[in-house]
Protein backbone atom coordinates (compact mmCIF):
# COMPACT_ATOMS: atom_id res chain seq x y z
CA MET A 1 -51.24 50.56 125.15
CA THR A 2 -51.51 49.38 128.76
CA PRO A 3 -54.12 50.73 131.35
CA PHE A 4 -51.42 52.25 133.36
CA LEU A 5 -49.80 54.20 130.41
CA ALA A 6 -53.50 55.11 129.44
CA VAL A 7 -54.03 56.57 133.03
CA GLY A 8 -50.79 58.45 132.78
CA LEU A 9 -51.84 59.99 129.18
CA SER A 10 -55.10 61.10 130.52
CA PHE A 11 -53.34 63.24 133.46
CA VAL A 12 -50.90 64.77 130.67
CA CYS A 13 -53.31 65.34 127.90
CA GLY A 14 -56.07 66.36 130.45
CA LEU A 15 -54.01 68.94 132.10
CA LEU A 16 -52.57 70.40 129.18
CA VAL A 17 -55.95 70.78 127.22
CA ALA A 18 -57.38 72.17 130.52
CA LYS A 19 -54.89 74.92 130.45
CA ILE A 20 -55.89 75.87 126.69
CA ALA A 21 -59.49 75.71 128.15
CA ASN A 22 -58.98 78.24 130.95
CA VAL A 23 -57.12 80.51 128.39
CA MET A 24 -60.54 80.43 126.66
CA LYS A 25 -62.57 81.32 129.83
CA LEU A 26 -63.63 77.54 130.00
CA PRO A 27 -63.93 75.15 132.82
CA ALA A 28 -61.22 72.57 133.11
CA VAL A 29 -63.53 69.84 133.23
CA THR A 30 -64.43 70.76 129.35
CA GLY A 31 -60.40 70.57 128.75
CA TYR A 32 -60.52 67.24 130.43
CA LEU A 33 -63.49 65.78 128.16
CA VAL A 34 -61.95 67.32 124.93
CA ALA A 35 -58.59 65.70 125.73
CA GLY A 36 -60.31 62.27 126.20
CA MET A 37 -62.33 62.83 122.84
CA ILE A 38 -58.96 63.58 121.24
CA ILE A 39 -56.91 60.56 122.41
CA GLY A 40 -60.02 58.31 122.56
CA PRO A 41 -61.30 56.06 119.58
CA SER A 42 -63.44 58.53 118.03
CA ILE A 43 -60.30 60.80 116.68
CA ALA A 44 -56.94 59.63 117.06
CA SER A 45 -57.47 56.13 118.95
CA ILE A 46 -54.37 56.47 120.79
CA VAL A 47 -56.23 54.86 123.64
CA PRO A 48 -58.23 52.14 122.34
CA ALA A 49 -61.67 51.38 123.33
CA ARG A 50 -60.97 48.04 125.24
CA ILE A 51 -58.50 49.92 127.48
CA VAL A 52 -61.31 52.48 128.31
CA SER A 53 -63.48 49.83 129.17
CA SER A 54 -60.81 48.01 131.44
CA LEU A 55 -60.82 51.30 133.33
CA GLY A 56 -64.23 51.50 134.25
CA PHE A 57 -63.49 51.19 137.87
CA ILE A 58 -62.34 54.95 137.88
CA GLU A 59 -65.58 55.87 137.22
CA SER A 60 -67.02 54.04 139.89
CA LEU A 61 -64.29 55.36 142.26
CA ALA A 62 -64.65 59.08 141.33
CA LEU A 63 -68.71 58.88 141.56
CA ALA A 64 -68.52 57.30 145.10
CA PHE A 65 -66.48 60.27 146.51
CA ILE A 66 -68.48 62.72 144.41
CA ALA A 67 -71.48 61.54 146.17
CA PHE A 68 -70.01 61.37 149.55
CA GLY A 69 -68.92 65.00 148.82
CA ILE A 70 -72.55 66.21 147.99
CA GLY A 71 -73.62 64.17 151.35
CA LYS A 72 -71.49 66.59 153.59
CA GLU A 73 -73.43 69.41 152.34
CA PHE A 74 -76.49 68.12 154.14
CA GLN A 75 -75.36 69.45 157.75
CA TRP A 76 -78.26 69.55 160.17
CA GLU A 77 -77.73 73.47 160.35
CA ASN A 78 -77.83 73.85 156.65
CA LEU A 79 -81.17 71.73 156.27
CA LYS A 80 -82.97 73.72 159.17
CA ARG A 81 -82.01 77.07 157.20
CA VAL A 82 -83.35 75.69 153.75
CA GLY A 83 -86.08 73.65 154.82
CA PRO A 84 -88.61 71.96 152.68
CA GLY A 85 -87.85 74.36 149.66
CA ILE A 86 -85.33 72.23 148.18
CA VAL A 87 -87.71 69.24 147.91
CA THR A 88 -90.22 71.61 146.27
CA ILE A 89 -87.71 72.90 143.87
CA THR A 90 -86.27 69.18 143.24
CA VAL A 91 -89.78 67.76 142.27
CA VAL A 92 -91.01 70.60 140.05
CA GLN A 93 -87.88 70.73 138.08
CA GLY A 94 -87.84 67.01 137.69
CA LEU A 95 -91.70 66.69 136.66
CA ALA A 96 -91.37 69.71 134.30
CA ALA A 97 -88.70 67.99 132.39
CA VAL A 98 -90.96 64.94 132.25
CA ILE A 99 -93.75 66.73 131.23
CA PHE A 100 -92.05 69.18 128.55
CA VAL A 101 -90.11 65.88 126.83
CA THR A 102 -93.68 63.67 126.84
CA ALA A 103 -96.03 66.45 125.68
CA GLY A 104 -93.52 67.62 123.27
CA LEU A 105 -92.86 64.19 121.82
CA LEU A 106 -96.65 63.42 121.52
CA ILE A 107 -97.13 66.84 119.75
CA LEU A 108 -94.36 65.89 117.44
CA GLY A 109 -96.42 62.47 116.54
CA GLN A 110 -94.09 59.94 118.78
CA PRO A 111 -95.89 56.87 120.20
CA LEU A 112 -97.12 57.67 123.72
CA ALA A 113 -95.15 54.50 125.37
CA LEU A 114 -91.81 56.12 123.61
CA ALA A 115 -92.54 59.71 124.79
CA LEU A 116 -93.00 58.35 128.41
CA VAL A 117 -89.85 56.44 128.46
CA LEU A 118 -87.89 59.48 126.97
CA GLY A 119 -89.72 61.64 129.34
CA SER A 120 -88.95 59.62 132.59
CA ILE A 121 -85.18 59.53 131.48
CA ALA A 122 -85.09 63.36 131.30
CA THR A 123 -85.44 63.76 135.00
CA ALA A 124 -81.80 62.37 135.71
CA THR A 125 -79.03 64.76 136.12
CA ALA A 126 -75.55 64.12 136.64
CA PRO A 127 -73.62 65.82 139.26
CA ALA A 128 -70.02 65.12 138.70
CA ALA A 129 -69.30 67.97 136.13
CA THR A 130 -71.15 70.62 137.75
CA ILE A 131 -69.62 69.82 141.27
CA LEU A 132 -66.05 69.98 139.82
CA VAL A 133 -66.74 73.44 138.19
CA MET A 134 -67.90 74.63 141.34
CA LYS A 135 -64.77 73.27 143.12
CA GLU A 136 -62.64 74.80 140.38
CA TYR A 137 -64.24 78.48 140.65
CA GLN A 138 -64.46 77.91 144.67
CA ALA A 139 -68.28 78.72 144.16
CA ASP A 140 -70.32 79.48 147.13
CA GLY A 141 -73.60 81.25 147.86
CA PRO A 142 -77.40 80.34 147.72
CA MET A 143 -77.48 79.26 144.17
CA THR A 144 -74.46 77.02 144.65
CA ARG A 145 -75.96 75.48 147.65
CA THR A 146 -79.25 74.84 146.34
CA LEU A 147 -77.82 73.18 143.15
CA LEU A 148 -75.68 70.78 145.17
CA GLN A 149 -78.76 69.93 147.38
CA VAL A 150 -81.17 69.70 144.26
CA VAL A 151 -78.69 67.37 142.30
CA ALA A 152 -78.24 65.21 145.23
CA LEU A 153 -82.21 64.73 145.65
CA ASP A 154 -82.71 64.63 141.75
CA ASP A 155 -81.10 61.15 141.72
CA ALA A 156 -83.93 59.72 143.98
CA LEU A 157 -86.50 61.61 142.00
CA GLY A 158 -85.20 60.17 138.82
CA ILE A 159 -85.22 56.61 140.05
CA ILE A 160 -88.74 56.87 141.24
CA VAL A 161 -90.13 58.29 138.15
CA PHE A 162 -88.29 55.86 135.76
CA GLY A 163 -89.17 53.03 138.10
CA MET A 164 -92.97 53.84 137.74
CA VAL A 165 -93.03 54.74 133.97
CA VAL A 166 -91.23 51.85 132.56
CA PRO A 167 -93.66 49.27 133.52
CA LEU A 168 -96.60 51.68 132.71
CA SER A 169 -95.33 52.25 129.35
CA ARG A 170 -94.88 48.49 128.65
CA ALA A 171 -98.62 47.88 129.78
CA LEU A 172 -99.63 50.83 127.51
CA GLU A 173 -97.66 48.88 124.56
CA THR A 174 -98.91 45.34 125.12
CA GLY A 175 -102.19 45.82 126.89
CA ALA A 176 -101.23 44.07 129.81
CA SER A 177 -102.66 44.75 133.30
CA LEU A 178 -100.75 46.81 135.66
CA ASN A 179 -100.38 46.24 139.61
CA LEU A 180 -99.77 49.87 140.82
CA LEU A 181 -98.12 48.49 144.23
CA GLU A 182 -95.56 46.59 142.38
CA VAL A 183 -94.71 49.35 140.27
CA LEU A 184 -93.78 51.85 143.21
CA ALA A 185 -92.38 49.23 145.50
CA ARG A 186 -89.28 48.32 143.63
CA PRO A 187 -87.91 51.86 143.49
CA VAL A 188 -89.02 52.97 146.63
CA MET A 189 -87.14 49.81 148.06
CA GLU A 190 -84.16 50.55 146.40
CA ILE A 191 -84.05 54.03 147.42
CA LEU A 192 -84.86 53.36 151.10
CA GLY A 193 -82.79 50.57 151.30
CA ALA A 194 -79.54 52.64 149.94
CA LEU A 195 -80.52 55.55 152.25
CA PHE A 196 -80.68 53.32 155.36
CA LEU A 197 -77.57 51.51 154.41
CA GLY A 198 -75.68 54.59 153.63
CA PHE A 199 -76.77 56.04 156.98
CA ALA A 200 -76.16 53.11 159.09
CA LEU A 201 -72.27 53.04 157.64
CA GLY A 202 -72.01 56.74 158.05
CA VAL A 203 -72.94 56.31 161.70
CA ALA A 204 -70.53 53.41 162.13
CA LEU A 205 -67.80 55.29 160.41
CA ALA A 206 -68.03 58.24 163.07
CA PHE A 207 -67.94 55.94 165.87
CA ALA A 208 -65.05 53.99 164.30
CA VAL A 209 -62.98 57.16 163.60
CA LYS A 210 -64.15 58.76 167.28
CA LYS A 211 -64.16 55.67 169.45
CA VAL A 212 -61.84 53.06 168.04
CA ASP A 213 -59.53 55.20 166.35
CA GLY A 214 -59.37 58.60 168.34
CA TYR A 215 -58.95 60.47 164.72
CA ARG A 216 -55.32 59.37 164.07
CA ASN A 217 -56.18 57.63 160.82
CA GLY A 218 -59.59 59.40 160.00
CA ARG A 219 -58.91 60.07 156.56
CA LEU A 220 -58.34 56.34 155.97
CA TRP A 221 -61.31 55.09 157.81
CA VAL A 222 -63.44 57.71 155.55
CA ILE A 223 -61.67 56.48 152.52
CA GLY A 224 -62.39 52.86 153.30
CA ALA A 225 -65.96 53.39 154.35
CA VAL A 226 -66.92 55.07 151.01
CA LEU A 227 -65.36 52.41 148.74
CA ALA A 228 -66.92 49.72 150.87
CA GLY A 229 -70.42 51.65 150.36
CA ALA A 230 -69.69 51.81 146.47
CA GLY A 231 -69.01 48.07 146.59
CA LEU A 232 -72.23 47.46 148.60
CA ALA A 233 -74.05 49.21 146.28
CA GLU A 234 -72.92 47.43 143.41
CA ILE A 235 -73.47 44.04 144.78
CA LEU A 236 -77.19 45.00 145.82
CA GLY A 237 -77.80 46.78 142.71
CA TRP A 238 -78.68 50.07 144.49
CA SER A 239 -77.79 53.54 143.91
CA GLU A 240 -73.95 54.16 144.53
CA LEU A 241 -74.80 58.04 144.58
CA LEU A 242 -77.60 57.53 147.19
CA LEU A 243 -75.93 55.51 149.24
CA ASN A 244 -72.75 57.23 149.42
CA MET A 245 -74.64 60.64 149.68
CA ALA A 246 -76.33 59.39 152.72
CA LEU A 247 -72.93 57.94 154.30
CA GLY A 248 -71.47 61.42 153.91
CA THR A 249 -74.69 63.24 155.63
CA ALA A 250 -74.75 60.66 158.49
CA PHE A 251 -70.81 60.93 159.23
CA VAL A 252 -70.71 64.89 159.09
CA ASN A 253 -73.73 64.86 161.47
CA SER A 254 -72.40 62.41 163.83
CA THR A 255 -69.05 63.96 164.97
CA LYS A 256 -68.16 67.25 165.38
CA GLU A 257 -64.76 66.54 163.20
CA GLY A 258 -66.72 65.09 160.41
CA GLN A 259 -66.78 68.26 158.20
CA GLY A 260 -63.17 68.48 158.41
CA LEU A 261 -62.23 64.99 157.87
CA ALA A 262 -64.76 64.91 154.70
CA GLU A 263 -62.80 68.08 153.23
CA ASP A 264 -59.46 66.45 153.83
CA VAL A 265 -60.63 63.55 151.72
CA ASP A 266 -61.92 65.61 149.14
CA GLU A 267 -58.76 67.09 148.69
CA THR A 268 -56.86 63.86 149.09
CA VAL A 269 -59.06 62.07 146.28
CA SER A 270 -59.41 64.81 143.99
CA PRO A 271 -56.45 63.77 141.41
CA VAL A 272 -58.93 60.79 140.40
CA TYR A 273 -61.20 63.45 138.77
CA VAL A 274 -58.60 64.11 136.04
CA PRO A 275 -58.78 60.51 134.45
CA PHE A 276 -62.23 60.31 135.38
CA PHE A 277 -63.36 62.93 133.04
CA VAL A 278 -60.67 62.11 130.41
CA LEU A 279 -61.67 58.64 130.21
CA ALA A 280 -65.49 59.79 130.08
CA GLY A 281 -64.40 62.09 127.20
CA ALA A 282 -62.47 58.95 125.82
CA SER A 283 -65.86 56.89 125.65
CA LEU A 284 -68.17 59.57 123.95
CA ASP A 285 -68.77 58.11 120.36
CA LEU A 286 -68.75 61.29 117.95
CA SER A 287 -70.61 59.59 115.42
CA LEU A 288 -73.83 59.56 117.22
CA ILE A 289 -74.17 63.33 117.00
CA PRO A 290 -74.83 63.14 113.29
CA ARG A 291 -77.32 60.37 113.71
CA LEU A 292 -79.24 62.00 116.56
CA GLY A 293 -81.65 63.67 113.81
CA PHE A 294 -84.85 65.47 114.63
CA LEU A 295 -85.91 63.24 117.69
CA GLY A 296 -82.67 63.75 119.23
CA ALA A 297 -82.60 67.48 118.82
CA ALA A 298 -86.01 67.71 120.15
CA TYR A 299 -85.33 65.78 123.10
CA LEU A 300 -82.37 68.10 123.88
CA LEU A 301 -84.66 71.10 123.65
CA LEU A 302 -87.53 69.97 125.37
CA ARG A 303 -85.49 68.74 128.40
CA SER A 304 -83.74 71.92 128.68
CA ALA A 305 -86.71 74.01 128.50
CA GLY A 306 -88.16 71.69 130.84
CA LYS A 307 -85.35 72.02 133.70
CA VAL A 308 -84.77 75.61 133.17
CA SER A 309 -88.35 76.49 133.59
CA GLY A 310 -89.17 74.10 136.47
CA ALA A 311 -86.22 75.31 138.47
CA TRP A 312 -87.45 78.69 137.97
CA LEU A 313 -91.03 77.69 138.85
CA GLY A 314 -89.83 75.60 141.78
CA SER A 315 -87.75 78.05 143.23
CA SER A 316 -90.36 80.81 142.82
CA MET A 317 -92.79 78.56 144.97
CA ALA A 318 -90.04 77.86 147.29
CA ARG A 319 -89.62 81.76 147.56
CA ALA A 320 -85.61 81.32 146.95
CA PRO A 321 -83.41 84.13 146.20
CA GLU A 322 -83.60 85.81 142.75
CA ALA A 323 -80.19 84.28 141.63
CA VAL A 324 -81.31 80.84 142.42
CA LYS A 325 -84.58 81.40 140.43
CA ARG A 326 -82.52 82.85 137.34
CA TYR A 327 -79.55 80.49 137.28
CA LEU A 328 -80.34 77.23 138.94
CA GLY A 329 -81.68 75.64 135.87
CA LEU A 330 -78.51 76.00 133.84
CA GLY A 331 -76.84 73.80 136.26
CA LEU A 332 -79.15 70.90 136.02
CA LEU A 333 -78.42 69.97 132.41
CA PRO A 334 -75.67 67.74 132.39
CA GLN A 335 -76.94 64.00 132.00
CA ALA A 336 -74.53 60.93 132.15
CA GLY A 337 -74.29 57.91 134.22
CA VAL A 338 -77.99 57.45 135.71
CA ALA A 339 -79.35 58.06 132.26
CA ILE A 340 -77.01 55.70 130.62
CA GLY A 341 -77.92 53.14 133.42
CA MET A 342 -81.58 53.66 132.29
CA VAL A 343 -80.97 53.18 128.69
CA SER A 344 -79.54 49.59 129.53
CA ILE A 345 -82.85 48.65 131.26
CA ILE A 346 -84.79 50.09 128.19
CA ARG A 347 -82.86 47.76 126.01
CA GLN A 348 -84.31 44.80 127.99
CA SER A 349 -87.83 46.16 128.48
CA PHE A 350 -88.48 47.69 125.05
CA PRO A 351 -86.51 45.91 122.50
CA GLU A 352 -88.64 47.74 119.85
CA PHE A 353 -87.61 51.16 121.15
CA ALA A 354 -84.07 50.24 122.06
CA GLY A 355 -82.17 51.34 119.03
CA VAL A 356 -84.13 54.98 119.22
CA VAL A 357 -83.46 55.44 122.93
CA THR A 358 -80.12 54.29 122.88
CA THR A 359 -79.10 56.78 119.94
CA VAL A 360 -81.35 59.73 121.55
CA ILE A 361 -79.76 59.49 125.15
CA LEU A 362 -76.18 58.45 124.30
CA GLY A 363 -75.92 61.30 121.78
CA SER A 364 -77.74 63.82 124.14
CA VAL A 365 -75.36 62.80 126.82
CA MET A 366 -72.57 63.54 124.64
CA VAL A 367 -73.96 66.92 124.01
CA TYR A 368 -74.84 67.84 127.70
CA GLU A 369 -71.47 66.54 128.68
CA LEU A 370 -69.75 69.18 126.58
CA LEU A 371 -72.17 72.00 127.35
CA GLY A 372 -73.00 71.15 130.89
CA PRO A 373 -69.75 72.43 132.41
CA VAL A 374 -70.02 75.56 130.40
CA MET A 375 -73.53 76.15 131.49
CA ALA A 376 -72.76 75.56 135.13
CA ARG A 377 -69.64 78.05 134.90
CA ILE A 378 -72.05 80.65 133.48
CA ALA A 379 -74.64 80.02 136.26
CA ILE A 380 -72.01 80.48 139.06
CA PHE A 381 -70.49 83.66 137.55
CA LYS A 382 -74.14 85.27 136.67
CA ALA A 383 -75.29 84.43 140.22
CA GLY A 384 -72.10 86.13 141.56
CA GLU A 385 -70.96 83.24 143.54
CA ALA A 386 -67.71 82.25 141.94
CA TYR A 387 -64.36 82.94 143.67
CA ARG A 388 -61.15 82.43 141.26
CA LEU A 389 -58.06 80.76 142.70
CA SER A 390 -56.95 84.00 143.63
CA GLY A 391 -59.92 84.43 145.89
CA ASN A 392 -61.63 87.57 143.90
CA LYS A 393 -65.16 87.62 143.41
CA GLY A 394 -66.12 86.27 139.79
C-alpha cells in the first residue's frame, strides 16, 4: 500500500459508501467516515495505520480551507445584523457544557481536577462535519448562519477555558500556588496573535489580488495565502482554525470581489473533503467504544445535555428565532481536532489522568464523529433550512 493508492481508495470507497448513506437518508459525510472505518486498521486493514499517519497533511489542508470558509461568512453586513447575540450564544453554550460535565462528574464521585479537565475539553466543537452537511443540503437560514458563526467563535472560547483550567487543576492536584495573570496570558496571547496575523494576511491578500494581479489569478492567490496561513500557525503553535478564519473574514471585507473569489476557492478545494473524512474514519479506533465505560457514557450525556440546553438558553437570551433556540444545539455536538490536541496537552500535564482522559475523549470523539453529521442533518431539516440538490425545500 502506498499513500497515493490510499488516497485513491479513499475517493472510491468514500463515494460508494456515501451513495448508500444517501439512500438511507444519512449525510454523505457519515458514509465517508464509515468507509474509512471499513478500509482502516479497525476492520479490514486495507489501509494500514502507518499510511493513515503519513497522510496527516490532508487533515491540515482540509481544516485550513474549512476555517477560511467559515471566515468568509463574517461579512460586515452580516455582523451588523446579528450584533452581540452570537457572542452571548457562544459563551453560554460553552460554559453550560463545562458546568454540566464538571458538576455531573463531581456528583458521580470523580476527583475535582479530573472533572475540571474533562469539563474544559467539553467546550470544544469540531466544525468540519457540520459544515460539510450544510453544503450537501445547501442549507441557509437563521439557524444555519448562527451555527456557522458559533462554531467559529467556539474554538476561541475553548482555547481560553482550557488554557485557564489546566493550570488551575494542576494547582489543585499538587497544592502549588497559582499566578492568575500567567494562567490568562498565554491562551489570550495565542488567540490574539492568530487573529492579528490572520487579519494581516487577509488584508495583504486583498491588496495583492486587487492591485498587483488585477484579479487575473485571484483563486491561486487565495489558495496560496490559506496554505501559508496554515503553515505559519503550525510553526507558531497557534490555532490554524482561528488564523485562517480571520484571514477569510479580512479578505471578504477588504474587497468587493472577495466573496465571489472565496466561493470559487471553496468549490475548487471541495474534493479534498472526501479523503479527509475517509481518513478520519480510518484513524478511529473502534476498540475504544467498549472501553468507554461508565465515565465515558457520563461524559457523552453530560456534554450533549450542556451543549443543547446552553444553546437554547443563549439563544433565548439573545432573542434569536425559534428555530435557532430549538435546533442549534444539535449542530454543536461534534468533537475532533481541537479536543484531541487538548488530550495531548493533558498527557504532559496530568500523567496520572492521561489514560482515563485519553480513553474518554478519543472514544467520545469517535461517537460524536459518527452521530454528529446525523444530528446536524436533523437540525437543518427540522429548522426548515435544507435545500436538496434539486433546490426543493427540505
